[in-house]
Amino acid sequence: MLAALQAQVAGWLSASQPFAGPPEIPVVTERQGNWLNRMERALVEGGVGLSLVVTVAKLAKASTGHLHFAPSLAIHVWENVLLNDAPGGAQIPAADAVLAVLAILSGREPDGGLSPLVLDDVTPAENTKTGIVMYEIVMKTAITLRRI
């Protein structure tokens, strides 16, 4: 269920402007392997100026019942400013990409009985060694599981 949720959110993002391009912005999920190392390598060495990664931030038990869970998704927006601003780059600042993610996802209702996505937090970060700017957007949803 959580892998399907990640894939659905990644699909919504990659099919929407400004991420659909041109140029197309890579949107991947944590299911695609060692995404943290791959993303840093792509941004530093691979010529990617802006990309998004969808992961599960947390799976918490909700207070309303023992079978009620509130999974959180994290959408990581990564930007190599020099590559992103260069000719052929997306030229979408990471902060603007964050606003686009929020506009695309806020209130969207995932499949599988999950409640609509709502914003929980946005946290900026910067890797001063590599010059990479990153934002983590955390969005919550909830589901009541059924006994089998």
C-alpha atoms as a PDB file:
ATOM      1  CA  MET A   1       0.000   0.000   0.000  1.00  0.00           C
ATOM      2  CA  LEU A   2       2.776   2.505   0.861  1.00  0.00           C
ATOM      3  CA  ALA A   3       4.763   1.720  -2.294  1.00  0.00           C
ATOM      4  CA  ALA A   4       1.594   2.259  -4.340  1.00  0.00           C
ATOM      5  CA  LEU A   5       1.001   5.566  -2.530  1.00  0.00           C
ATOM      6  CA  GLN A   6       4.537   6.724  -3.355  1.00  0.00           C
ATOM      7  CA  ALA A   7       4.124   5.698  -6.996  1.00  0.00           C
ATOM      8  CA  GLN A   8       0.768   7.485  -7.270  1.00  0.00           C
ATOM      9  CA  VAL A   9       2.160  10.717  -5.803  1.00  0.00           C
ATOM     10  CA  ALA A  10       5.236  10.513  -8.062  1.00  0.00           C
ATOM     11  CA  GLY A  11       2.901  10.008 -11.025  1.00  0.00           C
ATOM     12  CA  TRP A  12       0.809  13.044 -10.130  1.00  0.00           C
ATOM     13  CA  LEU A  13       3.934  15.182  -9.849  1.00  0.00           C
ATOM     14  CA  SER A  14       5.648  13.970 -13.016  1.00  0.00           C
ATOM     15  CA  ALA A  15       2.468  14.444 -15.069  1.00  0.00           C
ATOM     16  CA  SER A  16       1.901  18.020 -13.870  1.00  0.00           C
ATOM     17  CA  GLN A  17       3.485  21.328 -14.792  1.00  0.00           C
ATOM     18  CA  PRO A  18       6.163  22.454 -14.196  1.00  0.00           C
ATOM     19  CA  PHE A  19       7.632  18.958 -13.682  1.00  0.00           C
ATOM     20  CA  ALA A  20       6.315  17.446 -16.932  1.00  0.00           C
ATOM     21  CA  GLY A  21       8.677  19.765 -18.841  1.00  0.00           C
ATOM     22  CA  PRO A  22      10.220  20.733 -21.000  1.00  0.00           C
ATOM     23  CA  PRO A  23      12.693  19.938 -19.636  1.00  0.00           C
ATOM     24  CA  GLU A  24      11.213  16.989 -17.760  1.00  0.00           C
ATOM     25  CA  ILE A  25      12.143  16.970 -14.054  1.00  0.00           C
ATOM     26  CA  PRO A  26      13.065  13.517 -12.657  1.00  0.00           C
ATOM     27  CA  VAL A  27      10.572  12.327 -10.019  1.00  0.00           C
ATOM     28  CA  VAL A  28      11.582   9.037  -8.361  1.00  0.00           C
ATOM     29  CA  THR A  29      10.536   6.991  -5.344  1.00  0.00           C
ATOM     30  CA  GLU A  30      12.640   5.323  -2.683  1.00  0.00           C
ATOM     31  CA  ARG A  31      11.712   1.975  -4.270  1.00  0.00           C
ATOM     32  CA  GLN A  32      14.172   2.750  -7.048  1.00  0.00           C
ATOM     33  CA  GLY A  33      17.218   1.699  -5.048  1.00  0.00           C
ATOM     34  CA  ASN A  34      19.785   3.697  -3.151  1.00  0.00           C
ATOM     35  CA  TRP A  35      18.074   6.981  -3.976  1.00  0.00           C
ATOM     36  CA  LEU A  36      20.056   9.228  -1.619  1.00  0.00           C
ATOM     37  CA  ASN A  37      23.460   8.407  -3.130  1.00  0.00           C
ATOM     38  CA  ARG A  38      22.020   8.272  -6.648  1.00  0.00           C
ATOM     39  CA  MET A  39      20.391  11.680  -6.238  1.00  0.00           C
ATOM     40  CA  GLU A  40      23.523  13.373  -4.874  1.00  0.00           C
ATOM     41  CA  ARG A  41      25.597  11.836  -7.674  1.00  0.00           C
ATOM     42  CA  ALA A  42      23.092  12.923 -10.340  1.00  0.00           C
ATOM     43  CA  LEU A  43      23.007  16.467  -9.012  1.00  0.00           C
ATOM     44  CA  VAL A  44      26.760  16.832  -8.550  1.00  0.00           C
ATOM     45  CA  GLU A  45      28.154  14.729 -11.404  1.00  0.00           C
ATOM     46  CA  GLY A  46      25.287  13.831 -13.700  1.00  0.00           C
ATOM     47  CA  GLY A  47      24.078  17.176 -14.941  1.00  0.00           C
ATOM     48  CA  VAL A  48      20.681  17.100 -13.207  1.00  0.00           C
ATOM     49  CA  GLY A  49      19.717  20.550 -11.910  1.00  0.00           C
ATOM     50  CA  LEU A  50      16.393  19.791 -10.209  1.00  0.00           C
ATOM     51  CA  SER A  51      14.764  16.540  -9.095  1.00  0.00           C
ATOM     52  CA  LEU A  52      12.172  15.175  -6.682  1.00  0.00           C
ATOM     53  CA  VAL A  53      12.153  12.022  -4.530  1.00  0.00           C
ATOM     54  CA  VAL A  54       9.008  10.627  -2.877  1.00  0.00           C
ATOM     55  CA  THR A  55       9.598   8.584   0.304  1.00  0.00           C
ATOM     56  CA  VAL A  56       7.667   7.412   3.353  1.00  0.00           C
ATOM     57  CA  ALA A  57       8.559   9.801   6.165  1.00  0.00           C
ATOM     58  CA  LYS A  58       6.753   8.028   8.972  1.00  0.00           C
ATOM     59  CA  LEU A  59       4.028   5.477   9.635  1.00  0.00           C
ATOM     60  CA  ALA A  60       2.306   6.518  12.844  1.00  0.00           C
ATOM     61  CA  LYS A  61      -0.634   5.110  14.730  1.00  0.00           C
ATOM     62  CA  ALA A  62      -3.447   7.641  14.832  1.00  0.00           C
ATOM     63  CA  SER A  63      -5.180   8.357  18.108  1.00  0.00           C
ATOM     64  CA  THR A  64      -8.651   7.394  16.900  1.00  0.00           C
ATOM     65  CA  GLY A  65      -8.276   3.611  17.091  1.00  0.00           C
ATOM     66  CA  HIS A  66      -5.938   0.663  17.031  1.00  0.00           C
ATOM     67  CA  LEU A  67      -6.381   0.052  13.305  1.00  0.00           C
ATOM     68  CA  HIS A  68      -6.156   3.703  12.289  1.00  0.00           C
ATOM     69  CA  PHE A  69      -2.805   4.766  10.799  1.00  0.00           C
ATOM     70  CA  ALA A  70      -1.498   8.106   9.588  1.00  0.00           C
ATOM     71  CA  PRO A  71       1.318   7.600   7.074  1.00  0.00           C
ATOM     72  CA  SER A  72       3.400  10.642   6.161  1.00  0.00           C
ATOM     73  CA  LEU A  73       5.023  11.085   2.785  1.00  0.00           C
ATOM     74  CA  ALA A  74       8.142  13.158   2.269  1.00  0.00           C
ATOM     75  CA  ILE A  75       8.741  14.829  -1.064  1.00  0.00           C
ATOM     76  CA  HIS A  76      12.380  15.877  -1.291  1.00  0.00           C
ATOM     77  CA  VAL A  77      13.080  18.709  -3.738  1.00  0.00           C
ATOM     78  CA  TRP A  78      16.772  18.724  -4.720  1.00  0.00           C
ATOM     79  CA  GLU A  79      18.426  21.564  -6.636  1.00  0.00           C
ATOM     80  CA  ASN A  80      21.926  22.095  -7.974  1.00  0.00           C
ATOM     81  CA  VAL A  81      21.564  25.849  -8.505  1.00  0.00           C
ATOM     82  CA  LEU A  82      24.409  26.148 -11.021  1.00  0.00           C
ATOM     83  CA  LEU A  83      23.041  23.375 -13.244  1.00  0.00           C
ATOM     84  CA  ASN A  84      19.408  24.358 -12.777  1.00  0.00           C
ATOM     85  CA  ASP A  85      20.061  27.987 -13.809  1.00  0.00           C
ATOM     86  CA  ALA A  86      22.319  27.053 -16.752  1.00  0.00           C
ATOM     87  CA  PRO A  87      21.027  26.993 -20.333  1.00  0.00           C
ATOM     88  CA  GLY A  88      19.023  23.797 -20.766  1.00  0.00           C
ATOM     89  CA  GLY A  89      18.317  23.610 -17.028  1.00  0.00           C
ATOM     90  CA  ALA A  90      14.794  23.681 -15.645  1.00  0.00           C
ATOM     91  CA  GLN A  91      15.374  27.195 -14.243  1.00  0.00           C
ATOM     92  CA  ILE A  92      12.797  26.532 -11.526  1.00  0.00           C
ATOM     93  CA  PRO A  93      14.177  27.502  -8.096  1.00  0.00           C
ATOM     94  CA  ALA A  94      13.720  24.850  -5.416  1.00  0.00           C
ATOM     95  CA  ALA A  95      11.465  27.166  -3.399  1.00  0.00           C
ATOM     96  CA  ASP A  96       9.167  27.588  -6.422  1.00  0.00           C
ATOM     97  CA  ALA A  97       9.186  23.814  -6.934  1.00  0.00           C
ATOM     98  CA  VAL A  98       8.022  23.433  -3.327  1.00  0.00           C
ATOM     99  CA  LEU A  99       5.046  25.717  -4.016  1.00  0.00           C
ATOM    100  CA  ALA A 100       4.245  23.737  -7.171  1.00  0.00           C
ATOM    101  CA  VAL A 101       4.325  20.450  -5.217  1.00  0.00           C
ATOM    102  CA  LEU A 102       1.940  21.898  -2.635  1.00  0.00           C
ATOM    103  CA  ALA A 103      -0.431  23.171  -5.330  1.00  0.00           C
ATOM    104  CA  ILE A 104      -0.436  19.775  -7.081  1.00  0.00           C
ATOM    105  CA  LEU A 105      -0.825  17.573  -4.001  1.00  0.00           C
ATOM    106  CA  SER A 106      -2.816  19.520  -1.382  1.00  0.00           C
ATOM    107  CA  GLY A 107      -6.226  17.941  -0.994  1.00  0.00           C
ATOM    108  CA  ARG A 108      -5.567  15.143  -3.513  1.00  0.00           C
ATOM    109  CA  GLU A 109      -7.142  11.886  -2.397  1.00  0.00           C
ATOM    110  CA  PRO A 110      -4.948   8.824  -2.924  1.00  0.00           C
ATOM    111  CA  ASP A 111      -6.382   5.446  -3.909  1.00  0.00           C
ATOM    112  CA  GLY A 112      -7.015   2.690  -1.396  1.00  0.00           C
ATOM    113  CA  GLY A 113      -9.240   4.464   1.114  1.00  0.00           C
ATOM    114  CA  LEU A 114      -6.635   7.006   2.204  1.00  0.00           C
ATOM    115  CA  SER A 115      -7.767  10.460   3.289  1.00  0.00           C
ATOM    116  CA  PRO A 116      -6.767  13.561   1.266  1.00  0.00           C
ATOM    117  CA  LEU A 117      -3.159  14.712   1.565  1.00  0.00           C
ATOM    118  CA  VAL A 118      -2.532  17.640   3.920  1.00  0.00           C
ATOM    119  CA  LEU A 119       0.646  19.594   4.573  1.00  0.00           C
ATOM    120  CA  ASP A 120       2.472  18.758   7.800  1.00  0.00           C
ATOM    121  CA  ASP A 121       5.814  20.554   7.415  1.00  0.00           C
ATOM    122  CA  VAL A 122       8.353  22.059   4.999  1.00  0.00           C
ATOM    123  CA  THR A 123      12.005  22.004   6.044  1.00  0.00           C
ATOM    124  CA  PRO A 124      14.832  23.604   4.037  1.00  0.00           C
ATOM    125  CA  ALA A 125      18.378  22.225   4.044  1.00  0.00           C
ATOM    126  CA  GLU A 126      21.603  22.957   2.208  1.00  0.00           C
ATOM    127  CA  ASN A 127      24.691  20.856   1.642  1.00  0.00           C
ATOM    128  CA  THR A 128      27.458  23.474   1.726  1.00  0.00           C
ATOM    129  CA  LYS A 129      30.066  20.974   0.460  1.00  0.00           C
ATOM    130  CA  THR A 130      28.220  20.283  -2.774  1.00  0.00           C
ATOM    131  CA  GLY A 131      26.097  23.435  -3.162  1.00  0.00           C
ATOM    132  CA  ILE A 132      22.899  21.379  -3.226  1.00  0.00           C
ATOM    133  CA  VAL A 133      19.708  22.981  -1.920  1.00  0.00           C
ATOM    134  CA  MET A 134      17.069  20.595  -0.576  1.00  0.00           C
ATOM    135  CA  TYR A 135      13.585  21.001   0.833  1.00  0.00           C
ATOM    136  CA  GLU A 136      11.637  18.246   2.558  1.00  0.00           C
ATOM    137  CA  ILE A 137       7.872  18.555   2.254  1.00  0.00           C
ATOM    138  CA  VAL A 138       5.966  16.257   4.613  1.00  0.00           C
ATOM    139  CA  MET A 139       2.342  15.511   3.808  1.00  0.00           C
ATOM    140  CA  LYS A 140       0.009  13.369   5.890  1.00  0.00           C
ATOM    141  CA  THR A 141      -2.835  11.055   5.043  1.00  0.00           C
ATOM    142  CA  ALA A 142      -4.740   8.479   7.099  1.00  0.00           C
ATOM    143  CA  ILE A 143      -6.475   5.137   6.746  1.00  0.00           C
ATOM    144  CA  THR A 144      -8.487   2.797   8.897  1.00  0.00           C
ATOM    145  CA  LEU A 145      -7.416  -0.777   8.234  1.00  0.00           C
ATOM    146  CA  ARG A 146      -9.887  -3.640   8.243  1.00  0.00           C
ATOM    147  CA  ARG A 147      -9.425  -6.935  10.016  1.00  0.00           C
ATOM    148  CA  ILE A 148      -8.984  -9.860   7.649  1.00  0.00           C
END
